[in-house]
C-alpha cells in the first residue's frame, strides 16, 4: 500500500514457486491493484559460474494490455564479483544494462552502465558495513540524460527487528531532499522531505 499527497494505491499478489531441480525454478504470479497482473519468473543455472533468469508480466489495465519483459545473463567472475547483462522492456521504455557487483564482508560496490529509452545513465553505489556498530554507510551517484543525482546516508540497527535509515539526495532537476525510513520486522515507514527545489 502506498499513500502520497492524499492519493493512495496498492496491490495484492499471490505467488507460487516450484523448484524443478537443483539447477532451477519457476514461479507464477497473479496480482490485483492497478489493474490485473499475470506473470511468470524463472531461473536456470548452467554450471557453477553461469546462470540466466527472466520475468514476463502482462498488466491488464482499462482499455490497455501492457506487457513487460526482463531477462538477465550472469557470470561469477571471482569469489566476490558477479557480472550481469540485463535487457528490460515495459511499454515504450526499454534498456540494456551491464552491471558489475562486488560484495565482501565489509564492502559492497555496484557499477551500472545502462543504454535505454528514454534515459541512459552511469551509476555507482558503495556500502561500507561497520559490523561492530551494526551500521552501514552508503554513497551513490548517478549521471545520465536526465541530469545527475547523488545520495549519502547511514543505516543503523536499533533493535533485533528494527532499523533506521537516513539519507540526503542532491540532484538536477530534483533539488535537495531528505529520506528517512523506519523498518520494523516486515513493515517499512518512508518519509520524503523536499528541502529545496534547486
N, C-alpha and C. Protein backbone atom coordinates (compact mmCIF):
# COMPACT_ATOMS: atom_id res chain seq x y z
N UNK A 1 0.84 -1.18 0.00
CA UNK A 1 0.00 0.00 0.00
C UNK A 1 0.88 1.23 0.00
N UNK A 2 0.56 2.22 -0.84
CA UNK A 2 1.30 3.48 -0.91
C UNK A 2 0.34 4.64 -0.82
N UNK A 3 0.72 5.68 -0.07
CA UNK A 3 -0.07 6.91 0.02
C UNK A 3 0.88 8.08 -0.18
N UNK A 4 0.51 9.01 -1.08
CA UNK A 4 1.31 10.20 -1.34
C UNK A 4 0.40 11.35 -1.67
N UNK A 5 0.51 12.45 -0.92
CA UNK A 5 -0.30 13.66 -1.14
C UNK A 5 -1.80 13.35 -1.18
N UNK A 6 -2.24 12.48 -0.32
CA UNK A 6 -3.66 12.15 -0.25
C UNK A 6 -4.13 11.16 -1.29
N UNK A 7 -3.25 10.72 -2.18
CA UNK A 7 -3.59 9.73 -3.21
C UNK A 7 -3.01 8.38 -2.80
N UNK A 8 -3.81 7.35 -2.91
CA UNK A 8 -3.35 6.04 -2.48
C UNK A 8 -3.50 4.99 -3.56
N UNK A 9 -2.66 3.97 -3.50
CA UNK A 9 -2.80 2.80 -4.37
C UNK A 9 -2.18 1.60 -3.65
N UNK A 10 -2.49 0.44 -4.17
CA UNK A 10 -1.97 -0.76 -3.54
C UNK A 10 -2.11 -1.96 -4.46
N UNK A 11 -1.51 -3.05 -4.06
CA UNK A 11 -1.56 -4.27 -4.86
C UNK A 11 -1.51 -5.48 -3.95
N UNK A 12 -2.23 -6.50 -4.33
CA UNK A 12 -2.22 -7.79 -3.64
C UNK A 12 -1.75 -8.82 -4.65
N UNK A 13 -0.73 -9.60 -4.30
CA UNK A 13 -0.17 -10.58 -5.23
C UNK A 13 -0.12 -11.96 -4.59
N UNK A 14 -0.51 -12.96 -5.35
CA UNK A 14 -0.43 -14.36 -4.94
C UNK A 14 0.61 -15.03 -5.83
N UNK A 15 1.61 -15.68 -5.22
CA UNK A 15 2.70 -16.31 -5.97
C UNK A 15 2.86 -17.76 -5.58
N UNK A 16 3.26 -18.55 -6.55
CA UNK A 16 3.58 -19.95 -6.30
C UNK A 16 4.86 -20.31 -7.01
N UNK A 17 5.81 -20.92 -6.29
CA UNK A 17 7.10 -21.26 -6.88
C UNK A 17 7.29 -22.77 -6.83
N UNK A 18 7.83 -23.32 -7.91
CA UNK A 18 8.13 -24.75 -7.98
C UNK A 18 9.61 -24.91 -8.32
N UNK A 19 10.32 -25.64 -7.47
CA UNK A 19 11.72 -25.95 -7.73
C UNK A 19 11.76 -27.15 -8.66
N UNK A 20 12.30 -26.94 -9.85
CA UNK A 20 12.34 -28.00 -10.85
C UNK A 20 13.47 -28.98 -10.59
N UNK A 21 14.61 -28.44 -10.14
CA UNK A 21 15.76 -29.27 -9.80
C UNK A 21 16.74 -28.38 -9.06
N UNK A 22 17.93 -28.89 -8.78
CA UNK A 22 18.95 -28.06 -8.14
C UNK A 22 19.44 -26.97 -9.09
N UNK A 23 19.07 -27.07 -10.36
CA UNK A 23 19.53 -26.10 -11.36
C UNK A 23 18.53 -25.00 -11.68
N UNK A 24 17.31 -25.06 -11.14
CA UNK A 24 16.38 -24.01 -11.49
C UNK A 24 15.02 -24.09 -10.83
N UNK A 25 14.23 -23.03 -11.03
CA UNK A 25 12.88 -22.95 -10.51
C UNK A 25 12.03 -22.09 -11.44
N UNK A 26 10.71 -22.19 -11.25
CA UNK A 26 9.77 -21.36 -11.99
C UNK A 26 8.72 -20.86 -11.00
N UNK A 27 8.22 -19.64 -11.24
CA UNK A 27 7.25 -19.02 -10.34
C UNK A 27 6.14 -18.38 -11.16
N UNK A 28 4.91 -18.52 -10.72
CA UNK A 28 3.75 -17.89 -11.34
C UNK A 28 3.15 -16.90 -10.36
N UNK A 29 2.78 -15.70 -10.87
CA UNK A 29 2.23 -14.64 -10.04
C UNK A 29 0.90 -14.15 -10.61
N UNK A 30 -0.05 -13.85 -9.72
CA UNK A 30 -1.30 -13.21 -10.10
C UNK A 30 -1.53 -12.09 -9.10
N UNK A 31 -1.76 -10.86 -9.60
CA UNK A 31 -1.91 -9.72 -8.72
C UNK A 31 -3.07 -8.84 -9.12
N UNK A 32 -3.59 -8.10 -8.16
CA UNK A 32 -4.67 -7.15 -8.40
C UNK A 32 -4.32 -5.85 -7.68
N UNK A 33 -4.67 -4.75 -8.29
CA UNK A 33 -4.40 -3.43 -7.72
C UNK A 33 -4.64 -2.41 -8.79
N UNK A 34 -3.59 -1.92 -9.41
CA UNK A 34 -3.69 -1.01 -10.55
C UNK A 34 -3.86 -1.86 -11.80
N UNK A 35 -5.01 -2.52 -11.90
CA UNK A 35 -5.24 -3.50 -12.95
C UNK A 35 -4.83 -4.88 -12.48
N UNK A 36 -5.10 -5.86 -13.31
CA UNK A 36 -4.74 -7.25 -13.00
C UNK A 36 -3.39 -7.55 -13.65
N UNK A 37 -2.50 -8.19 -12.88
CA UNK A 37 -1.18 -8.56 -13.40
C UNK A 37 -1.02 -10.07 -13.33
N UNK A 38 -0.62 -10.66 -14.45
CA UNK A 38 -0.31 -12.08 -14.53
C UNK A 38 1.13 -12.18 -15.00
N UNK A 39 1.94 -12.97 -14.30
CA UNK A 39 3.35 -13.04 -14.67
C UNK A 39 3.98 -14.38 -14.36
N UNK A 40 5.20 -14.54 -14.90
CA UNK A 40 5.99 -15.74 -14.66
C UNK A 40 7.45 -15.35 -14.51
N UNK A 41 8.16 -16.06 -13.63
CA UNK A 41 9.59 -15.84 -13.41
C UNK A 41 10.28 -17.19 -13.46
N UNK A 42 11.56 -17.16 -13.77
CA UNK A 42 12.30 -18.40 -13.77
C UNK A 42 13.78 -18.18 -13.64
N UNK A 43 14.50 -19.21 -13.19
CA UNK A 43 15.95 -19.18 -13.07
C UNK A 43 16.51 -20.53 -13.50
N UNK A 44 17.64 -20.49 -14.21
CA UNK A 44 18.29 -21.73 -14.65
C UNK A 44 19.79 -21.57 -14.49
N UNK A 45 20.41 -22.48 -13.75
CA UNK A 45 21.87 -22.50 -13.57
C UNK A 45 22.51 -23.36 -14.65
N UNK A 46 23.62 -22.85 -15.20
CA UNK A 46 24.42 -23.60 -16.16
C UNK A 46 25.82 -23.71 -15.59
N UNK A 47 26.02 -24.68 -14.73
CA UNK A 47 27.31 -24.82 -14.07
C UNK A 47 27.39 -23.96 -12.83
N UNK A 48 28.60 -23.85 -12.25
CA UNK A 48 28.79 -23.12 -11.00
C UNK A 48 28.91 -21.62 -11.19
N UNK A 49 29.26 -21.17 -12.41
CA UNK A 49 29.59 -19.76 -12.60
C UNK A 49 28.62 -19.00 -13.48
N UNK A 50 27.61 -19.65 -14.02
CA UNK A 50 26.80 -19.02 -15.06
C UNK A 50 25.33 -19.32 -14.84
N UNK A 51 24.47 -18.31 -14.86
CA UNK A 51 23.03 -18.55 -14.74
C UNK A 51 22.24 -17.51 -15.51
N UNK A 52 20.99 -17.86 -15.81
CA UNK A 52 20.08 -17.00 -16.55
C UNK A 52 18.78 -16.92 -15.76
N UNK A 53 18.21 -15.71 -15.65
CA UNK A 53 16.89 -15.59 -15.07
C UNK A 53 16.05 -14.63 -15.90
N UNK A 54 14.75 -14.73 -15.76
CA UNK A 54 13.87 -13.89 -16.55
C UNK A 54 12.51 -13.74 -15.90
N UNK A 55 11.78 -12.73 -16.38
CA UNK A 55 10.45 -12.44 -15.87
C UNK A 55 9.62 -11.83 -16.98
N UNK A 56 8.38 -12.27 -17.12
CA UNK A 56 7.45 -11.69 -18.07
C UNK A 56 6.14 -11.43 -17.35
N UNK A 57 5.57 -10.23 -17.58
CA UNK A 57 4.32 -9.83 -16.94
C UNK A 57 3.36 -9.28 -17.97
N UNK A 58 2.08 -9.45 -17.73
CA UNK A 58 1.01 -8.84 -18.52
C UNK A 58 0.14 -8.05 -17.55
N UNK A 59 0.10 -6.73 -17.72
CA UNK A 59 -0.70 -5.86 -16.85
C UNK A 59 -1.96 -5.47 -17.61
N UNK A 60 -3.11 -5.93 -17.13
CA UNK A 60 -4.39 -5.65 -17.77
C UNK A 60 -5.01 -4.42 -17.11
N UNK A 61 -4.91 -3.27 -17.79
CA UNK A 61 -5.48 -2.03 -17.29
C UNK A 61 -6.70 -1.67 -18.12
N UNK A 62 -7.38 -0.60 -17.73
CA UNK A 62 -8.55 -0.16 -18.50
C UNK A 62 -8.12 0.18 -19.92
N UNK A 63 -8.74 -0.47 -20.89
CA UNK A 63 -8.50 -0.22 -22.32
C UNK A 63 -7.07 -0.46 -22.76
N UNK A 64 -6.27 -1.21 -22.01
CA UNK A 64 -4.88 -1.44 -22.41
C UNK A 64 -4.34 -2.73 -21.81
N UNK A 65 -3.44 -3.34 -22.58
CA UNK A 65 -2.68 -4.50 -22.12
C UNK A 65 -1.21 -4.10 -22.20
N UNK A 66 -0.53 -4.01 -21.05
CA UNK A 66 0.86 -3.54 -21.00
C UNK A 66 1.77 -4.72 -20.65
N UNK A 67 2.53 -5.23 -21.65
CA UNK A 67 3.46 -6.31 -21.35
C UNK A 67 4.80 -5.77 -20.85
N UNK A 68 5.50 -6.56 -20.07
CA UNK A 68 6.86 -6.21 -19.65
C UNK A 68 7.71 -7.48 -19.62
N UNK A 69 8.99 -7.29 -19.92
CA UNK A 69 9.92 -8.40 -20.02
C UNK A 69 11.25 -7.98 -19.43
N UNK A 70 11.84 -8.84 -18.59
CA UNK A 70 13.17 -8.62 -18.04
C UNK A 70 13.93 -9.94 -18.15
N UNK A 71 15.14 -9.87 -18.70
CA UNK A 71 15.98 -11.06 -18.80
C UNK A 71 17.40 -10.74 -18.41
N UNK A 72 18.05 -11.61 -17.63
CA UNK A 72 19.42 -11.38 -17.17
C UNK A 72 20.29 -12.59 -17.43
N UNK A 73 21.51 -12.30 -17.83
CA UNK A 73 22.55 -13.30 -18.01
C UNK A 73 23.64 -12.95 -17.02
N UNK A 74 24.05 -13.86 -16.15
CA UNK A 74 25.01 -13.55 -15.10
C UNK A 74 26.16 -14.53 -15.10
N UNK A 75 27.34 -14.01 -14.75
CA UNK A 75 28.52 -14.87 -14.65
C UNK A 75 29.31 -14.50 -13.39
N UNK A 76 29.75 -15.51 -12.65
CA UNK A 76 30.56 -15.32 -11.45
C UNK A 76 31.99 -15.11 -11.90
N UNK A 77 32.51 -13.86 -11.74
CA UNK A 77 33.86 -13.54 -12.20
C UNK A 77 34.93 -14.02 -11.23
N UNK A 78 34.67 -13.89 -9.95
CA UNK A 78 35.53 -14.47 -8.91
C UNK A 78 34.67 -14.71 -7.68
N UNK A 79 35.31 -15.02 -6.56
CA UNK A 79 34.56 -15.39 -5.36
C UNK A 79 33.59 -14.31 -4.91
N UNK A 80 33.96 -13.03 -5.10
CA UNK A 80 33.15 -11.92 -4.59
C UNK A 80 32.54 -11.06 -5.69
N UNK A 81 32.79 -11.36 -6.95
CA UNK A 81 32.38 -10.47 -8.04
C UNK A 81 31.49 -11.19 -9.04
N UNK A 82 30.38 -10.53 -9.39
CA UNK A 82 29.42 -11.07 -10.36
C UNK A 82 29.16 -10.00 -11.43
N UNK A 83 29.04 -10.43 -12.67
CA UNK A 83 28.69 -9.53 -13.76
C UNK A 83 27.33 -9.91 -14.34
N UNK A 84 26.51 -8.90 -14.69
CA UNK A 84 25.18 -9.14 -15.24
C UNK A 84 25.02 -8.37 -16.55
N UNK A 85 24.30 -8.97 -17.48
CA UNK A 85 23.86 -8.30 -18.70
C UNK A 85 22.34 -8.45 -18.70
N UNK A 86 21.63 -7.31 -18.65
CA UNK A 86 20.17 -7.34 -18.46
C UNK A 86 19.46 -6.54 -19.55
N UNK A 87 18.42 -7.16 -20.12
CA UNK A 87 17.54 -6.46 -21.05
C UNK A 87 16.19 -6.30 -20.38
N UNK A 88 15.62 -5.08 -20.47
CA UNK A 88 14.34 -4.80 -19.86
C UNK A 88 13.47 -4.02 -20.83
N UNK A 89 12.21 -4.43 -20.97
CA UNK A 89 11.27 -3.72 -21.83
C UNK A 89 9.91 -3.69 -21.15
N UNK A 90 9.33 -2.48 -21.06
CA UNK A 90 8.00 -2.31 -20.47
C UNK A 90 7.32 -1.15 -21.19
N UNK A 91 6.29 -1.44 -21.97
CA UNK A 91 5.61 -0.39 -22.71
C UNK A 91 6.55 0.26 -23.70
N UNK A 92 6.71 1.60 -23.61
CA UNK A 92 7.59 2.33 -24.51
C UNK A 92 8.99 2.50 -23.94
N UNK A 93 9.26 1.92 -22.76
CA UNK A 93 10.58 2.04 -22.14
C UNK A 93 11.34 0.73 -22.29
N UNK A 94 12.61 0.84 -22.67
CA UNK A 94 13.45 -0.35 -22.77
C UNK A 94 14.89 0.04 -22.45
N UNK A 95 15.68 -0.93 -22.01
CA UNK A 95 17.08 -0.66 -21.69
C UNK A 95 17.90 -1.93 -21.76
N UNK A 96 19.20 -1.73 -22.01
CA UNK A 96 20.19 -2.80 -21.96
C UNK A 96 21.26 -2.34 -20.98
N UNK A 97 21.47 -3.12 -19.92
CA UNK A 97 22.36 -2.70 -18.83
C UNK A 97 23.45 -3.73 -18.58
N UNK A 98 24.62 -3.21 -18.22
CA UNK A 98 25.72 -4.04 -17.75
C UNK A 98 26.01 -3.65 -16.31
N UNK A 99 26.08 -4.64 -15.43
CA UNK A 99 26.31 -4.40 -14.01
C UNK A 99 27.49 -5.24 -13.54
N UNK A 100 28.41 -4.61 -12.81
CA UNK A 100 29.49 -5.32 -12.14
C UNK A 100 29.27 -5.11 -10.64
N UNK A 101 29.20 -6.21 -9.89
CA UNK A 101 28.87 -6.15 -8.47
C UNK A 101 29.92 -6.91 -7.68
N UNK A 102 30.50 -6.23 -6.68
CA UNK A 102 31.48 -6.87 -5.80
C UNK A 102 30.97 -6.78 -4.37
N UNK A 103 30.95 -7.92 -3.68
CA UNK A 103 30.38 -7.99 -2.34
C UNK A 103 31.32 -8.77 -1.44
N UNK A 104 31.89 -8.08 -0.44
CA UNK A 104 32.73 -8.73 0.56
C UNK A 104 32.09 -8.52 1.92
N UNK A 105 32.76 -8.99 2.96
CA UNK A 105 32.18 -8.89 4.30
C UNK A 105 31.94 -7.45 4.72
N UNK A 106 32.86 -6.54 4.38
CA UNK A 106 32.75 -5.15 4.84
C UNK A 106 32.38 -4.16 3.74
N UNK A 107 32.52 -4.54 2.48
CA UNK A 107 32.29 -3.60 1.39
C UNK A 107 31.37 -4.18 0.32
N UNK A 108 30.56 -3.29 -0.26
CA UNK A 108 29.73 -3.65 -1.41
C UNK A 108 29.83 -2.51 -2.42
N UNK A 109 30.11 -2.85 -3.67
CA UNK A 109 30.16 -1.84 -4.73
C UNK A 109 29.42 -2.37 -5.95
N UNK A 110 28.68 -1.48 -6.58
CA UNK A 110 27.87 -1.82 -7.75
C UNK A 110 28.06 -0.74 -8.80
N UNK A 111 28.53 -1.12 -9.99
CA UNK A 111 28.69 -0.19 -11.12
C UNK A 111 27.70 -0.60 -12.20
N UNK A 112 26.91 0.36 -12.70
CA UNK A 112 25.89 0.08 -13.71
C UNK A 112 26.08 1.02 -14.90
N UNK A 113 26.04 0.44 -16.10
CA UNK A 113 26.06 1.19 -17.35
C UNK A 113 24.79 0.80 -18.10
N UNK A 114 23.93 1.77 -18.39
CA UNK A 114 22.64 1.46 -19.00
C UNK A 114 22.38 2.33 -20.22
N UNK A 115 22.06 1.68 -21.34
CA UNK A 115 21.61 2.36 -22.55
C UNK A 115 20.13 2.09 -22.69
N UNK A 116 19.31 3.16 -22.77
CA UNK A 116 17.88 2.91 -22.81
C UNK A 116 17.08 4.06 -23.37
N UNK A 117 15.81 3.78 -23.53
CA UNK A 117 14.83 4.77 -23.94
C UNK A 117 13.83 4.91 -22.80
N UNK A 118 13.55 6.06 -22.26
CA UNK A 118 14.01 7.37 -22.73
C UNK A 118 15.33 7.83 -22.12
N UNK A 119 15.93 7.08 -21.15
CA UNK A 119 17.14 7.59 -20.49
C UNK A 119 18.26 6.56 -20.50
N UNK A 120 19.50 7.07 -20.64
CA UNK A 120 20.72 6.29 -20.47
C UNK A 120 21.48 6.89 -19.30
N UNK A 121 22.25 6.05 -18.57
CA UNK A 121 22.95 6.57 -17.39
C UNK A 121 24.11 5.67 -17.00
N UNK A 122 24.96 6.23 -16.13
CA UNK A 122 26.03 5.51 -15.45
C UNK A 122 25.79 5.72 -13.96
N UNK A 123 25.85 4.65 -13.16
CA UNK A 123 25.59 4.76 -11.73
C UNK A 123 26.61 3.94 -10.95
N UNK A 124 26.89 4.40 -9.73
CA UNK A 124 27.78 3.68 -8.83
C UNK A 124 27.20 3.74 -7.41
N UNK A 125 27.15 2.62 -6.73
CA UNK A 125 26.68 2.53 -5.35
C UNK A 125 27.77 1.88 -4.50
N UNK A 126 28.02 2.47 -3.34
CA UNK A 126 29.02 1.92 -2.42
C UNK A 126 28.41 1.83 -1.02
N UNK A 127 28.62 0.68 -0.37
CA UNK A 127 28.16 0.49 1.01
C UNK A 127 29.34 -0.02 1.84
N UNK A 128 29.58 0.64 2.96
CA UNK A 128 30.60 0.21 3.92
C UNK A 128 29.88 -0.33 5.14
N UNK A 129 30.07 -1.61 5.42
CA UNK A 129 29.43 -2.24 6.58
C UNK A 129 30.33 -2.09 7.80
N UNK A 130 29.78 -1.52 8.86
CA UNK A 130 30.51 -1.39 10.12
C UNK A 130 29.88 -2.40 11.08
N UNK A 131 30.35 -3.63 11.01
CA UNK A 131 29.72 -4.76 11.68
C UNK A 131 29.71 -4.58 13.20
N UNK A 132 30.78 -4.03 13.75
CA UNK A 132 30.85 -3.86 15.20
C UNK A 132 29.81 -2.87 15.73
N UNK A 133 29.35 -1.93 14.87
CA UNK A 133 28.34 -0.95 15.28
C UNK A 133 26.95 -1.28 14.73
N UNK A 134 26.82 -2.39 14.01
CA UNK A 134 25.57 -2.78 13.35
C UNK A 134 25.03 -1.62 12.51
N UNK A 135 25.92 -1.03 11.70
CA UNK A 135 25.56 0.13 10.89
C UNK A 135 26.17 0.00 9.50
N UNK A 136 25.62 0.79 8.56
CA UNK A 136 26.12 0.84 7.20
C UNK A 136 26.20 2.30 6.75
N UNK A 137 27.28 2.64 6.07
CA UNK A 137 27.41 3.94 5.42
C UNK A 137 27.18 3.74 3.93
N UNK A 138 26.39 4.63 3.30
CA UNK A 138 26.03 4.46 1.90
C UNK A 138 26.36 5.71 1.12
N UNK A 139 26.87 5.52 -0.10
CA UNK A 139 27.19 6.61 -1.00
C UNK A 139 26.84 6.15 -2.41
N UNK A 140 26.11 7.00 -3.15
CA UNK A 140 25.76 6.62 -4.52
C UNK A 140 25.73 7.84 -5.41
N UNK A 141 25.94 7.61 -6.69
CA UNK A 141 25.90 8.67 -7.69
C UNK A 141 25.35 8.13 -8.99
N UNK A 142 24.67 9.01 -9.73
CA UNK A 142 24.07 8.61 -10.99
C UNK A 142 24.07 9.81 -11.92
N UNK A 143 24.56 9.65 -13.13
CA UNK A 143 24.58 10.72 -14.11
C UNK A 143 24.12 10.16 -15.45
N UNK A 144 23.29 10.95 -16.14
CA UNK A 144 22.77 10.47 -17.41
C UNK A 144 22.03 11.54 -18.17
N UNK A 145 21.21 11.12 -19.11
CA UNK A 145 20.48 12.06 -19.95
C UNK A 145 19.40 12.81 -19.18
N UNK A 146 19.04 12.37 -17.98
CA UNK A 146 18.03 13.03 -17.15
C UNK A 146 18.63 14.12 -16.27
N UNK A 147 19.96 14.15 -16.09
CA UNK A 147 20.63 15.04 -15.16
C UNK A 147 21.57 14.23 -14.29
N UNK A 148 21.70 14.61 -13.02
CA UNK A 148 22.53 13.82 -12.11
C UNK A 148 21.87 13.73 -10.75
N UNK A 149 22.28 12.74 -9.98
CA UNK A 149 21.74 12.51 -8.64
C UNK A 149 22.83 11.89 -7.79
N UNK A 150 23.03 12.42 -6.61
CA UNK A 150 23.97 11.83 -5.66
C UNK A 150 23.26 11.68 -4.32
N UNK A 151 23.64 10.67 -3.56
CA UNK A 151 22.98 10.40 -2.29
C UNK A 151 24.00 9.85 -1.30
N UNK A 152 23.92 10.32 -0.06
CA UNK A 152 24.75 9.77 1.01
C UNK A 152 23.89 9.56 2.24
N UNK A 153 24.22 8.54 3.02
CA UNK A 153 23.38 8.28 4.18
C UNK A 153 23.94 7.20 5.08
N UNK A 154 23.15 6.86 6.09
CA UNK A 154 23.54 5.87 7.07
C UNK A 154 22.34 5.00 7.41
N UNK A 155 22.63 3.75 7.75
CA UNK A 155 21.60 2.80 8.21
C UNK A 155 22.09 2.22 9.52
N UNK A 156 21.22 2.22 10.54
CA UNK A 156 21.62 1.73 11.86
C UNK A 156 20.56 0.79 12.41
N UNK A 157 20.99 -0.37 12.87
CA UNK A 157 20.09 -1.31 13.53
C UNK A 157 19.93 -0.86 14.97
N UNK A 158 18.67 -0.61 15.39
CA UNK A 158 18.42 -0.10 16.74
C UNK A 158 17.90 -1.17 17.70
N UNK A 159 17.39 -2.28 17.16
CA UNK A 159 16.99 -3.41 17.99
C UNK A 159 17.05 -4.66 17.11
N UNK A 160 16.66 -5.79 17.67
CA UNK A 160 16.75 -7.05 16.92
C UNK A 160 15.95 -7.00 15.63
N UNK A 161 14.78 -6.35 15.64
CA UNK A 161 13.90 -6.34 14.47
C UNK A 161 13.71 -4.95 13.86
N UNK A 162 14.39 -3.94 14.37
CA UNK A 162 14.15 -2.58 13.90
C UNK A 162 15.44 -1.92 13.42
N UNK A 163 15.30 -1.07 12.40
CA UNK A 163 16.42 -0.28 11.91
C UNK A 163 15.93 1.07 11.40
N UNK A 164 16.85 2.04 11.36
CA UNK A 164 16.56 3.39 10.91
C UNK A 164 17.52 3.72 9.77
N UNK A 165 16.99 4.31 8.70
CA UNK A 165 17.79 4.72 7.55
C UNK A 165 17.57 6.22 7.35
N UNK A 166 18.63 6.95 7.09
CA UNK A 166 18.51 8.38 6.77
C UNK A 166 19.51 8.71 5.67
N UNK A 167 19.07 9.48 4.68
CA UNK A 167 19.97 9.88 3.61
C UNK A 167 19.56 11.22 3.03
N UNK A 168 20.54 11.90 2.43
CA UNK A 168 20.32 13.17 1.76
C UNK A 168 20.57 12.96 0.27
N UNK A 169 19.61 13.41 -0.56
CA UNK A 169 19.73 13.33 -2.01
C UNK A 169 19.94 14.72 -2.57
N UNK A 170 20.90 14.86 -3.49
CA UNK A 170 21.16 16.12 -4.16
C UNK A 170 21.19 15.84 -5.66
N UNK A 171 20.41 16.59 -6.44
CA UNK A 171 20.38 16.30 -7.86
C UNK A 171 19.81 17.41 -8.70
N UNK A 172 19.98 17.26 -10.00
CA UNK A 172 19.39 18.15 -11.00
C UNK A 172 18.57 17.27 -11.92
N UNK A 173 17.27 17.47 -12.06
CA UNK A 173 16.48 18.62 -11.60
C UNK A 173 15.76 18.39 -10.27
N UNK A 174 16.15 17.40 -9.47
CA UNK A 174 15.40 17.02 -8.27
C UNK A 174 15.57 17.96 -7.09
N UNK A 175 16.65 18.72 -7.02
CA UNK A 175 16.90 19.58 -5.86
C UNK A 175 17.53 18.78 -4.73
N UNK A 176 17.20 19.17 -3.49
CA UNK A 176 17.76 18.55 -2.29
C UNK A 176 16.62 17.96 -1.46
N UNK A 177 16.79 16.73 -1.03
CA UNK A 177 15.73 16.07 -0.26
C UNK A 177 16.33 15.20 0.83
N UNK A 178 15.56 15.00 1.87
CA UNK A 178 15.92 14.12 2.99
C UNK A 178 14.99 12.92 2.96
N UNK A 179 15.57 11.73 3.02
CA UNK A 179 14.78 10.49 3.07
C UNK A 179 15.02 9.81 4.41
N UNK A 180 13.93 9.48 5.09
CA UNK A 180 14.01 8.76 6.37
C UNK A 180 13.13 7.53 6.26
N UNK A 181 13.67 6.40 6.70
CA UNK A 181 12.90 5.16 6.66
C UNK A 181 13.07 4.41 7.96
N UNK A 182 11.95 3.99 8.55
CA UNK A 182 11.94 3.14 9.75
C UNK A 182 11.46 1.76 9.33
N UNK A 183 12.21 0.73 9.70
CA UNK A 183 11.81 -0.65 9.38
C UNK A 183 11.61 -1.38 10.69
N UNK A 184 10.43 -1.97 10.82
CA UNK A 184 10.11 -2.79 11.99
C UNK A 184 9.63 -4.13 11.47
N UNK A 185 10.46 -5.17 11.63
CA UNK A 185 10.17 -6.51 11.11
C UNK A 185 9.93 -6.42 9.61
N UNK A 186 8.72 -6.70 9.13
CA UNK A 186 8.46 -6.62 7.68
C UNK A 186 7.73 -5.33 7.30
N UNK A 187 7.52 -4.42 8.27
CA UNK A 187 6.85 -3.15 7.96
C UNK A 187 7.89 -2.07 7.73
N UNK A 188 7.61 -1.20 6.76
CA UNK A 188 8.52 -0.11 6.42
C UNK A 188 7.74 1.19 6.36
N UNK A 189 8.26 2.24 7.03
CA UNK A 189 7.64 3.57 7.03
C UNK A 189 8.63 4.53 6.39
N UNK A 190 8.23 5.14 5.26
CA UNK A 190 9.10 6.02 4.49
C UNK A 190 8.62 7.46 4.57
N UNK A 191 9.58 8.38 4.77
CA UNK A 191 9.29 9.81 4.80
C UNK A 191 10.23 10.51 3.82
N UNK A 192 9.67 11.29 2.91
CA UNK A 192 10.44 12.02 1.92
C UNK A 192 10.18 13.51 2.14
N UNK A 193 11.23 14.24 2.50
CA UNK A 193 11.09 15.66 2.82
C UNK A 193 11.91 16.47 1.81
N UNK A 194 11.22 17.26 1.00
CA UNK A 194 11.88 18.10 -0.01
C UNK A 194 12.42 19.35 0.68
N UNK A 195 13.75 19.51 0.68
CA UNK A 195 14.37 20.65 1.34
C UNK A 195 14.55 21.84 0.40
N UNK A 196 14.79 21.55 -0.89
CA UNK A 196 14.98 22.61 -1.86
C UNK A 196 14.66 22.07 -3.25
N UNK A 197 14.06 22.93 -4.09
CA UNK A 197 13.76 22.51 -5.47
C UNK A 197 14.94 22.68 -6.39
N UNK A 198 15.99 23.37 -5.95
CA UNK A 198 17.18 23.60 -6.78
C UNK A 198 18.43 23.20 -6.04
